[in-house]
Amino acid sequence: MTMVRKYYLQIYRHTLYPQAGSDWLDINDLGLHPELVRQLGDVGIVEIVNNRVRVDEVRRMHKIIKLRRSLGVNWLGAGIIVDLLNRMEALEQEIERLRRR
């Protein structure tokens, strides 16, 4: 009997600098006060390069701001909470993927 193995390909992309295109947005075009975005960058919550942030960071920033406003959590605490929630979501997706095997 022949055993069939399944392999999954995972592709990761990481950029350190803004590329031409829509992967990065100017901080003046986010609908947030640019000084607030700079403060988030200063404390290490978001990476700002050449006055731009990655598109995927915008949703994260909105979640952090919502946590701060609704629960009174400080910026770093809100960043940690959002990161942990994202990790939990990724782990739940991985568990679900493994169950379907």
PDB file of N, CA and C in Angstrom:
ATOM      1  N   MET A   1       0.848  -1.176   0.000  1.00  0.00           N
ATOM      2  CA  MET A   1       0.000   0.000   0.000  1.00  0.00           C
ATOM      3  C   MET A   1       0.896   1.243   0.000  1.00  0.00           C
ATOM      4  N   THR A   2       0.594   2.155  -0.869  1.00  0.00           N
ATOM      5  CA  THR A   2       1.381   3.371  -0.986  1.00  0.00           C
ATOM      6  C   THR A   2       0.832   4.443  -0.069  1.00  0.00           C
ATOM      7  N   MET A   3       1.720   5.065   0.657  1.00  0.00           N
ATOM      8  CA  MET A   3       1.322   6.126   1.580  1.00  0.00           C
ATOM      9  C   MET A   3       1.463   7.485   0.874  1.00  0.00           C
ATOM     10  N   VAL A   4       0.413   8.288   0.926  1.00  0.00           N
ATOM     11  CA  VAL A   4       0.424   9.604   0.295  1.00  0.00           C
ATOM     12  C   VAL A   4       0.707  10.658   1.363  1.00  0.00           C
ATOM     13  N   ARG A   5       1.681  11.490   1.091  1.00  0.00           N
ATOM     14  CA  ARG A   5       2.001  12.567   2.018  1.00  0.00           C
ATOM     15  C   ARG A   5       1.548  13.885   1.436  1.00  0.00           C
ATOM     16  N   LYS A   6       1.033  14.713   2.315  1.00  0.00           N
ATOM     17  CA  LYS A   6       0.614  16.040   1.899  1.00  0.00           C
ATOM     18  C   LYS A   6       1.641  17.048   2.390  1.00  0.00           C
ATOM     19  N   TYR A   7       1.983  17.975   1.521  1.00  0.00           N
ATOM     20  CA  TYR A   7       2.900  19.047   1.884  1.00  0.00           C
ATOM     21  C   TYR A   7       2.211  20.375   1.637  1.00  0.00           C
ATOM     22  N   TYR A   8       2.461  21.312   2.536  1.00  0.00           N
ATOM     23  CA  TYR A   8       1.877  22.635   2.422  1.00  0.00           C
ATOM     24  C   TYR A   8       2.992  23.658   2.252  1.00  0.00           C
ATOM     25  N   LEU A   9       2.808  24.532   1.317  1.00  0.00           N
ATOM     26  CA  LEU A   9       3.780  25.571   1.052  1.00  0.00           C
ATOM     27  C   LEU A   9       3.323  26.854   1.725  1.00  0.00           C
ATOM     28  N   GLN A  10       4.200  27.430   2.533  1.00  0.00           N
ATOM     29  CA  GLN A  10       3.910  28.705   3.167  1.00  0.00           C
ATOM     30  C   GLN A  10       4.906  29.712   2.638  1.00  0.00           C
ATOM     31  N   ILE A  11       4.401  30.839   2.165  1.00  0.00           N
ATOM     32  CA  ILE A  11       5.253  31.884   1.610  1.00  0.00           C
ATOM     33  C   ILE A  11       5.192  33.088   2.534  1.00  0.00           C
ATOM     34  N   TYR A  12       6.358  33.577   2.921  1.00  0.00           N
ATOM     35  CA  TYR A  12       6.451  34.745   3.776  1.00  0.00           C
ATOM     36  C   TYR A  12       7.110  35.865   2.997  1.00  0.00           C
ATOM     37  N   ARG A  13       6.599  37.069   3.199  1.00  0.00           N
ATOM     38  CA  ARG A  13       7.191  38.227   2.555  1.00  0.00           C
ATOM     39  C   ARG A  13       7.402  39.289   3.606  1.00  0.00           C
ATOM     40  N   HIS A  14       8.597  39.809   3.635  1.00  0.00           N
ATOM     41  CA  HIS A  14       8.904  40.856   4.604  1.00  0.00           C
ATOM     42  C   HIS A  14       9.672  41.960   3.892  1.00  0.00           C
ATOM     43  N   THR A  15       9.223  43.179   4.054  1.00  0.00           N
ATOM     44  CA  THR A  15       9.927  44.304   3.465  1.00  0.00           C
ATOM     45  C   THR A  15      10.321  45.260   4.575  1.00  0.00           C
ATOM     46  N   LEU A  16      11.511  45.763   4.486  1.00  0.00           N
ATOM     47  CA  LEU A  16      11.989  46.716   5.471  1.00  0.00           C
ATOM     48  C   LEU A  16      11.791  48.150   5.025  1.00  0.00           C
ATOM     49  N   TYR A  17      11.653  48.339   3.733  1.00  0.00           N
ATOM     50  CA  TYR A  17      11.534  49.694   3.200  1.00  0.00           C
ATOM     51  C   TYR A  17      10.347  49.771   2.262  1.00  0.00           C
ATOM     52  N   PRO A  18       9.722  50.934   2.184  1.00  0.00           N
ATOM     53  CA  PRO A  18       8.563  51.076   1.309  1.00  0.00           C
ATOM     54  C   PRO A  18       8.920  50.779  -0.138  1.00  0.00           C
ATOM     55  N   GLN A  19       8.083  50.061  -0.770  1.00  0.00           N
ATOM     56  CA  GLN A  19       8.238  49.763  -2.180  1.00  0.00           C
ATOM     57  C   GLN A  19       7.236  50.602  -2.958  1.00  0.00           C
ATOM     58  N   ALA A  20       7.489  50.746  -4.225  1.00  0.00           N
ATOM     59  CA  ALA A  20       6.509  51.440  -5.062  1.00  0.00           C
ATOM     60  C   ALA A  20       5.253  50.593  -5.083  1.00  0.00           C
ATOM     61  N   GLY A  21       4.125  51.195  -4.967  1.00  0.00           N
ATOM     62  CA  GLY A  21       2.866  50.452  -4.968  1.00  0.00           C
ATOM     63  C   GLY A  21       2.049  50.763  -3.742  1.00  0.00           C
ATOM     64  N   SER A  22       1.101  49.895  -3.451  1.00  0.00           N
ATOM     65  CA  SER A  22       0.138  50.176  -2.393  1.00  0.00           C
ATOM     66  C   SER A  22       0.425  49.447  -1.087  1.00  0.00           C
ATOM     67  N   ASP A  23       1.610  48.865  -0.926  1.00  0.00           N
ATOM     68  CA  ASP A  23       1.908  48.156   0.310  1.00  0.00           C
ATOM     69  C   ASP A  23       2.143  49.105   1.475  1.00  0.00           C
ATOM     70  N   TRP A  24       2.462  50.348   1.202  1.00  0.00           N
ATOM     71  CA  TRP A  24       2.742  51.344   2.226  1.00  0.00           C
ATOM     72  C   TRP A  24       1.856  52.553   1.999  1.00  0.00           C
ATOM     73  N   LEU A  25       1.426  53.180   3.078  1.00  0.00           N
ATOM     74  CA  LEU A  25       0.580  54.372   2.995  1.00  0.00           C
ATOM     75  C   LEU A  25       1.243  55.526   3.716  1.00  0.00           C
ATOM     76  N   ASP A  26       1.055  56.709   3.194  1.00  0.00           N
ATOM     77  CA  ASP A  26       1.542  57.913   3.850  1.00  0.00           C
ATOM     78  C   ASP A  26       0.744  58.131   5.128  1.00  0.00           C
ATOM     79  N   ILE A  27       1.412  58.546   6.196  1.00  0.00           N
ATOM     80  CA  ILE A  27       0.719  58.701   7.480  1.00  0.00           C
ATOM     81  C   ILE A  27      -0.319  59.819   7.442  1.00  0.00           C
ATOM     82  N   ASN A  28      -0.240  60.695   6.463  1.00  0.00           N
ATOM     83  CA  ASN A  28      -1.236  61.766   6.330  1.00  0.00           C
ATOM     84  C   ASN A  28      -2.523  61.276   5.675  1.00  0.00           C
ATOM     85  N   ASP A  29      -2.519  60.053   5.120  1.00  0.00           N
ATOM     86  CA  ASP A  29      -3.677  59.515   4.405  1.00  0.00           C
ATOM     87  C   ASP A  29      -4.407  58.420   5.169  1.00  0.00           C
ATOM     88  N   LEU A  30      -4.163  58.304   6.471  1.00  0.00           N
ATOM     89  CA  LEU A  30      -4.713  57.186   7.245  1.00  0.00           C
ATOM     90  C   LEU A  30      -6.042  57.481   7.924  1.00  0.00           C
ATOM     91  N   GLY A  31      -6.442  58.734   7.968  1.00  0.00           N
ATOM     92  CA  GLY A  31      -7.644  59.084   8.717  1.00  0.00           C
ATOM     93  C   GLY A  31      -7.367  59.217  10.204  1.00  0.00           C
ATOM     94  N   LEU A  32      -6.104  59.195  10.574  1.00  0.00           N
ATOM     95  CA  LEU A  32      -5.675  59.380  11.957  1.00  0.00           C
ATOM     96  C   LEU A  32      -4.776  60.609  11.995  1.00  0.00           C
ATOM     97  N   HIS A  33      -4.713  61.237  13.136  1.00  0.00           N
ATOM     98  CA  HIS A  33      -3.842  62.398  13.247  1.00  0.00           C
ATOM     99  C   HIS A  33      -2.388  61.931  13.077  1.00  0.00           C
ATOM    100  N   PRO A  34      -1.639  62.560  12.180  1.00  0.00           N
ATOM    101  CA  PRO A  34      -0.254  62.125  11.935  1.00  0.00           C
ATOM    102  C   PRO A  34       0.617  62.111  13.193  1.00  0.00           C
ATOM    103  N   GLU A  35       0.376  63.034  14.112  1.00  0.00           N
ATOM    104  CA  GLU A  35       1.169  63.060  15.343  1.00  0.00           C
ATOM    105  C   GLU A  35       0.888  61.824  16.197  1.00  0.00           C
ATOM    106  N   LEU A  36      -0.357  61.358  16.206  1.00  0.00           N
ATOM    107  CA  LEU A  36      -0.698  60.127  16.929  1.00  0.00           C
ATOM    108  C   LEU A  36       0.055  58.943  16.325  1.00  0.00           C
ATOM    109  N   VAL A  37       0.085  58.881  15.000  1.00  0.00           N
ATOM    110  CA  VAL A  37       0.799  57.795  14.323  1.00  0.00           C
ATOM    111  C   VAL A  37       2.288  57.859  14.662  1.00  0.00           C
ATOM    112  N   ARG A  38       2.846  59.060  14.687  1.00  0.00           N
ATOM    113  CA  ARG A  38       4.260  59.216  15.046  1.00  0.00           C
ATOM    114  C   ARG A  38       4.512  58.771  16.493  1.00  0.00           C
ATOM    115  N   GLN A  39       3.584  59.077  17.384  1.00  0.00           N
ATOM    116  CA  GLN A  39       3.734  58.630  18.783  1.00  0.00           C
ATOM    117  C   GLN A  39       3.735  57.106  18.862  1.00  0.00           C
ATOM    118  N   LEU A  40       2.852  56.477  18.092  1.00  0.00           N
ATOM    119  CA  LEU A  40       2.818  55.012  18.062  1.00  0.00           C
ATOM    120  C   LEU A  40       4.134  54.471  17.510  1.00  0.00           C
ATOM    121  N   GLY A  41       4.704  55.165  16.557  1.00  0.00           N
ATOM    122  CA  GLY A  41       6.000  54.767  16.028  1.00  0.00           C
ATOM    123  C   GLY A  41       7.109  54.961  17.038  1.00  0.00           C
ATOM    124  N   ASP A  42       7.044  56.053  17.800  1.00  0.00           N
ATOM    125  CA  ASP A  42       8.080  56.341  18.797  1.00  0.00           C
ATOM    126  C   ASP A  42       8.143  55.286  19.898  1.00  0.00           C
ATOM    127  N   VAL A  43       6.990  54.729  20.275  1.00  0.00           N
ATOM    128  CA  VAL A  43       6.984  53.707  21.328  1.00  0.00           C
ATOM    129  C   VAL A  43       7.145  52.294  20.763  1.00  0.00           C
ATOM    130  N   GLY A  44       7.297  52.185  19.443  1.00  0.00           N
ATOM    131  CA  GLY A  44       7.572  50.892  18.826  1.00  0.00           C
ATOM    132  C   GLY A  44       6.363  50.065  18.480  1.00  0.00           C
ATOM    133  N   ILE A  45       5.195  50.668  18.477  1.00  0.00           N
ATOM    134  CA  ILE A  45       3.976  49.922  18.166  1.00  0.00           C
ATOM    135  C   ILE A  45       3.815  49.735  16.664  1.00  0.00           C
ATOM    136  N   VAL A  46       4.260  50.712  15.892  1.00  0.00           N
ATOM    137  CA  VAL A  46       4.156  50.648  14.441  1.00  0.00           C
ATOM    138  C   VAL A  46       5.485  51.100  13.842  1.00  0.00           C
ATOM    139  N   GLU A  47       5.841  50.511  12.715  1.00  0.00           N
ATOM    140  CA  GLU A  47       7.073  50.884  12.027  1.00  0.00           C
ATOM    141  C   GLU A  47       6.761  51.980  11.014  1.00  0.00           C
ATOM    142  N   ILE A  48       7.445  53.094  11.136  1.00  0.00           N
ATOM    143  CA  ILE A  48       7.280  54.206  10.203  1.00  0.00           C
ATOM    144  C   ILE A  48       8.587  54.368   9.444  1.00  0.00           C
ATOM    145  N   VAL A  49       8.506  54.315   8.123  1.00  0.00           N
ATOM    146  CA  VAL A  49       9.672  54.494   7.269  1.00  0.00           C
ATOM    147  C   VAL A  49       9.323  55.541   6.222  1.00  0.00           C
ATOM    148  N   ASN A  50      10.112  56.602   6.181  1.00  0.00           N
ATOM    149  CA  ASN A  50       9.882  57.684   5.217  1.00  0.00           C
ATOM    150  C   ASN A  50       8.461  58.225   5.298  1.00  0.00           C
ATOM    151  N   ASN A  51       7.957  58.405   6.505  1.00  0.00           N
ATOM    152  CA  ASN A  51       6.606  58.940   6.736  1.00  0.00           C
ATOM    153  C   ASN A  51       5.512  58.011   6.194  1.00  0.00           C
ATOM    154  N   ARG A  52       5.792  56.730   6.136  1.00  0.00           N
ATOM    155  CA  ARG A  52       4.826  55.751   5.634  1.00  0.00           C
ATOM    156  C   ARG A  52       4.735  54.574   6.601  1.00  0.00           C
ATOM    157  N   VAL A  53       3.571  53.932   6.601  1.00  0.00           N
ATOM    158  CA  VAL A  53       3.364  52.703   7.378  1.00  0.00           C
ATOM    159  C   VAL A  53       2.813  51.632   6.444  1.00  0.00           C
ATOM    160  N   ARG A  54       3.047  50.374   6.813  1.00  0.00           N
ATOM    161  CA  ARG A  54       2.519  49.274   6.005  1.00  0.00           C
ATOM    162  C   ARG A  54       1.000  49.235   6.097  1.00  0.00           C
ATOM    163  N   VAL A  55       0.378  48.824   5.027  1.00  0.00           N
ATOM    164  CA  VAL A  55      -1.082  48.758   4.964  1.00  0.00           C
ATOM    165  C   VAL A  55      -1.642  47.853   6.049  1.00  0.00           C
ATOM    166  N   ASP A  56      -1.000  46.721   6.304  1.00  0.00           N
ATOM    167  CA  ASP A  56      -1.517  45.777   7.307  1.00  0.00           C
ATOM    168  C   ASP A  56      -1.409  46.323   8.731  1.00  0.00           C
ATOM    169  N   GLU A  57      -0.606  47.365   8.942  1.00  0.00           N
ATOM    170  CA  GLU A  57      -0.484  47.972  10.268  1.00  0.00           C
ATOM    171  C   GLU A  57      -1.653  48.910  10.580  1.00  0.00           C
ATOM    172  N   VAL A  58      -2.360  49.374   9.560  1.00  0.00           N
ATOM    173  CA  VAL A  58      -3.436  50.348   9.778  1.00  0.00           C
ATOM    174  C   VAL A  58      -4.556  49.732  10.606  1.00  0.00           C
ATOM    175  N   ARG A  59      -4.974  48.539  10.264  1.00  0.00           N
ATOM    176  CA  ARG A  59      -6.034  47.857  11.024  1.00  0.00           C
ATOM    177  C   ARG A  59      -5.597  47.630  12.474  1.00  0.00           C
ATOM    178  N   ARG A  60      -4.335  47.244  12.631  1.00  0.00           N
ATOM    179  CA  ARG A  60      -3.773  47.023  13.961  1.00  0.00           C
ATOM    180  C   ARG A  60      -3.792  48.312  14.783  1.00  0.00           C
ATOM    181  N   MET A  61      -3.423  49.428  14.161  1.00  0.00           N
ATOM    182  CA  MET A  61      -3.446  50.711  14.866  1.00  0.00           C
ATOM    183  C   MET A  61      -4.855  51.076  15.316  1.00  0.00           C
ATOM    184  N   HIS A  62      -5.834  50.833  14.459  1.00  0.00           N
ATOM    185  CA  HIS A  62      -7.220  51.132  14.829  1.00  0.00           C
ATOM    186  C   HIS A  62      -7.670  50.285  16.017  1.00  0.00           C
ATOM    187  N   LYS A  63      -7.277  49.011  16.050  1.00  0.00           N
ATOM    188  CA  LYS A  63      -7.616  48.151  17.189  1.00  0.00           C
ATOM    189  C   LYS A  63      -6.968  48.668  18.468  1.00  0.00           C
ATOM    190  N   ILE A  64      -5.716  49.091  18.360  1.00  0.00           N
ATOM    191  CA  ILE A  64      -4.995  49.597  19.528  1.00  0.00           C
ATOM    192  C   ILE A  64      -5.659  50.865  20.057  1.00  0.00           C
ATOM    193  N   ILE A  65      -6.029  51.749  19.150  1.00  0.00           N
ATOM    194  CA  ILE A  65      -6.691  52.994  19.559  1.00  0.00           C
ATOM    195  C   ILE A  65      -8.033  52.694  20.209  1.00  0.00           C
ATOM    196  N   LYS A  66      -8.763  51.728  19.662  1.00  0.00           N
ATOM    197  CA  LYS A  66     -10.059  51.352  20.235  1.00  0.00           C
ATOM    198  C   LYS A  66      -9.886  50.793  21.649  1.00  0.00           C
ATOM    199  N   LEU A  67      -8.877  49.941  21.858  1.00  0.00           N
ATOM    200  CA  LEU A  67      -8.611  49.407  23.198  1.00  0.00           C
ATOM    201  C   LEU A  67      -8.269  50.523  24.175  1.00  0.00           C
ATOM    202  N   ARG A  68      -7.472  51.452  23.734  1.00  0.00           N
ATOM    203  CA  ARG A  68      -7.071  52.563  24.602  1.00  0.00           C
ATOM    204  C   ARG A  68      -8.283  53.393  24.999  1.00  0.00           C
ATOM    205  N   ARG A  69      -9.143  53.682  24.033  1.00  0.00           N
ATOM    206  CA  ARG A  69     -10.314  54.518  24.314  1.00  0.00           C
ATOM    207  C   ARG A  69     -11.363  53.791  25.144  1.00  0.00           C
ATOM    208  N   SER A  70     -11.597  52.526  24.835  1.00  0.00           N
ATOM    209  CA  SER A  70     -12.688  51.822  25.516  1.00  0.00           C
ATOM    210  C   SER A  70     -12.279  51.264  26.877  1.00  0.00           C
ATOM    211  N   LEU A  71     -11.033  50.817  27.026  1.00  0.00           N
ATOM    212  CA  LEU A  71     -10.607  50.191  28.276  1.00  0.00           C
ATOM    213  C   LEU A  71      -9.599  51.016  29.062  1.00  0.00           C
ATOM    214  N   GLY A  72      -9.081  52.076  28.462  1.00  0.00           N
ATOM    215  CA  GLY A  72      -8.103  52.898  29.151  1.00  0.00           C
ATOM    216  C   GLY A  72      -6.731  52.257  29.268  1.00  0.00           C
ATOM    217  N   VAL A  73      -6.469  51.274  28.413  1.00  0.00           N
ATOM    218  CA  VAL A  73      -5.181  50.589  28.417  1.00  0.00           C
ATOM    219  C   VAL A  73      -4.132  51.520  27.823  1.00  0.00           C
ATOM    220  N   ASN A  74      -2.905  51.494  28.377  1.00  0.00           N
ATOM    221  CA  ASN A  74      -1.865  52.340  27.787  1.00  0.00           C
ATOM    222  C   ASN A  74      -1.453  51.789  26.417  1.00  0.00           C
ATOM    223  N   TRP A  75      -0.673  52.595  25.673  1.00  0.00           N
ATOM    224  CA  TRP A  75      -0.331  52.233  24.293  1.00  0.00           C
ATOM    225  C   TRP A  75       0.389  50.899  24.208  1.00  0.00           C
ATOM    226  N   LEU A  76       1.388  50.696  25.042  1.00  0.00           N
ATOM    227  CA  LEU A  76       2.138  49.446  24.976  1.00  0.00           C
ATOM    228  C   LEU A  76       1.271  48.250  25.365  1.00  0.00           C
ATOM    229  N   GLY A  77       0.436  48.426  26.397  1.00  0.00           N
ATOM    230  CA  GLY A  77      -0.474  47.355  26.796  1.00  0.00           C
ATOM    231  C   GLY A  77      -1.448  47.008  25.693  1.00  0.00           C
ATOM    232  N   ALA A  78      -1.979  48.025  25.032  1.00  0.00           N
ATOM    233  CA  ALA A  78      -2.913  47.792  23.926  1.00  0.00           C
ATOM    234  C   ALA A  78      -2.216  47.077  22.777  1.00  0.00           C
ATOM    235  N   GLY A  79      -0.967  47.449  22.504  1.00  0.00           N
ATOM    236  CA  GLY A  79      -0.208  46.773  21.450  1.00  0.00           C
ATOM    237  C   GLY A  79       0.016  45.311  21.765  1.00  0.00           C
ATOM    238  N   ILE A  80       0.349  45.028  23.018  1.00  0.00           N
ATOM    239  CA  ILE A  80       0.560  43.637  23.437  1.00  0.00           C
ATOM    240  C   ILE A  80      -0.735  42.840  23.330  1.00  0.00           C
ATOM    241  N   ILE A  81      -1.839  43.428  23.753  1.00  0.00           N
ATOM    242  CA  ILE A  81      -3.135  42.740  23.680  1.00  0.00           C
ATOM    243  C   ILE A  81      -3.487  42.402  22.240  1.00  0.00           C
ATOM    244  N   VAL A  82      -3.320  43.363  21.337  1.00  0.00           N
ATOM    245  CA  VAL A  82      -3.647  43.125  19.927  1.00  0.00           C
ATOM    246  C   VAL A  82      -2.739  42.050  19.341  1.00  0.00           C
ATOM    247  N   ASP A  83      -1.448  42.087  19.673  1.00  0.00           N
ATOM    248  CA  ASP A  83      -0.529  41.057  19.182  1.00  0.00           C
ATOM    249  C   ASP A  83      -0.922  39.674  19.701  1.00  0.00           C
ATOM    250  N   LEU A  84      -1.281  39.589  20.973  1.00  0.00           N
ATOM    251  CA  LEU A  84      -1.698  38.300  21.531  1.00  0.00           C
ATOM    252  C   LEU A  84      -2.996  37.806  20.894  1.00  0.00           C
ATOM    253  N   LEU A  85      -3.942  38.702  20.652  1.00  0.00           N
ATOM    254  CA  LEU A  85      -5.186  38.311  19.984  1.00  0.00           C
ATOM    255  C   LEU A  85      -4.902  37.801  18.570  1.00  0.00           C
ATOM    256  N   ASN A  86      -3.983  38.449  17.860  1.00  0.00           N
ATOM    257  CA  ASN A  86      -3.622  37.996  16.511  1.00  0.00           C
ATOM    258  C   ASN A  86      -2.946  36.628  16.550  1.00  0.00           C
ATOM    259  N   ARG A  87      -2.086  36.411  17.547  1.00  0.00           N
ATOM    260  CA  ARG A  87      -1.435  35.102  17.691  1.00  0.00           C
ATOM    261  C   ARG A  87      -2.458  34.018  18.007  1.00  0.00           C
ATOM    262  N   MET A  88      -3.426  34.339  18.871  1.00  0.00           N
ATOM    263  CA  MET A  88      -4.477  33.368  19.199  1.00  0.00           C
ATOM    264  C   MET A  88      -5.282  33.014  17.951  1.00  0.00           C
ATOM    265  N   GLU A  89      -5.601  34.010  17.155  1.00  0.00           N
ATOM    266  CA  GLU A  89      -6.359  33.775  15.928  1.00  0.00           C
ATOM    267  C   GLU A  89      -5.561  32.889  14.968  1.00  0.00           C
ATOM    268  N   ALA A  90      -4.266  33.151  14.830  1.00  0.00           N
ATOM    269  CA  ALA A  90      -3.428  32.335  13.952  1.00  0.00           C
ATOM    270  C   ALA A  90      -3.349  30.897  14.458  1.00  0.00           C
ATOM    271  N   LEU A  91      -3.238  30.718  15.766  1.00  0.00           N
ATOM    272  CA  LEU A  91      -3.193  29.373  16.330  1.00  0.00           C
ATOM    273  C   LEU A  91      -4.512  28.633  16.132  1.00  0.00           C
ATOM    274  N   GLU A  92      -5.618  29.340  16.280  1.00  0.00           N
ATOM    275  CA  GLU A  92      -6.919  28.719  16.041  1.00  0.00           C
ATOM    276  C   GLU A  92      -7.062  28.286  14.588  1.00  0.00           C
ATOM    277  N   GLN A  93      -6.564  29.100  13.668  1.00  0.00           N
ATOM    278  CA  GLN A  93      -6.607  28.738  12.250  1.00  0.00           C
ATOM    279  C   GLN A  93      -5.726  27.524  11.974  1.00  0.00           C
ATOM    280  N   GLU A  94      -4.568  27.470  12.618  1.00  0.00           N
ATOM    281  CA  GLU A  94      -3.671  26.328  12.444  1.00  0.00           C
ATOM    282  C   GLU A  94      -4.301  25.053  13.002  1.00  0.00           C
ATOM    283  N   ILE A  95      -4.949  25.147  14.148  1.00  0.00           N
ATOM    284  CA  ILE A  95      -5.638  23.988  14.718  1.00  0.00           C
ATOM    285  C   ILE A  95      -6.724  23.500  13.772  1.00  0.00           C
ATOM    286  N   GLU A  96      -7.480  24.429  13.242  1.00  0.00           N
ATOM    287  CA  GLU A  96      -8.547  24.070  12.301  1.00  0.00           C
ATOM    288  C   GLU A  96      -7.970  23.409  11.046  1.00  0.00           C
ATOM    289  N   ARG A  97      -6.863  23.949  10.547  1.00  0.00           N
ATOM    290  CA  ARG A  97      -6.225  23.363   9.360  1.00  0.00           C
ATOM    291  C   ARG A  97      -5.748  21.948   9.660  1.00  0.00           C
ATOM    292  N   LEU A  98      -5.182  21.722  10.849  1.00  0.00           N
ATOM    293  CA  LEU A  98      -4.714  20.390  11.227  1.00  0.00           C
ATOM    294  C   LEU A  98      -5.865  19.411  11.408  1.00  0.00           C
ATOM    295  N   ARG A  99      -6.981  19.894  11.892  1.00  0.00           N
ATOM    296  CA  ARG A  99      -8.162  19.017  12.052  1.00  0.00           C
ATOM    297  C   ARG A  99      -8.686  18.532  10.708  1.00  0.00           C
ATOM    298  N   ARG A 100      -8.565  19.375   9.693  1.00  0.00           N
ATOM    299  CA  ARG A 100      -9.085  19.014   8.358  1.00  0.00           C
ATOM    300  C   ARG A 100      -8.202  18.016   7.628  1.00  0.00           C
ATOM    301  N   ARG A 101      -7.026  17.761   8.136  1.00  0.00           N
ATOM    302  CA  ARG A 101      -6.105  16.817   7.476  1.00  0.00           C
ATOM    303  C   ARG A 101      -6.658  15.444   7.388  1.00  0.00           C
TER     304      ARG A 101
END
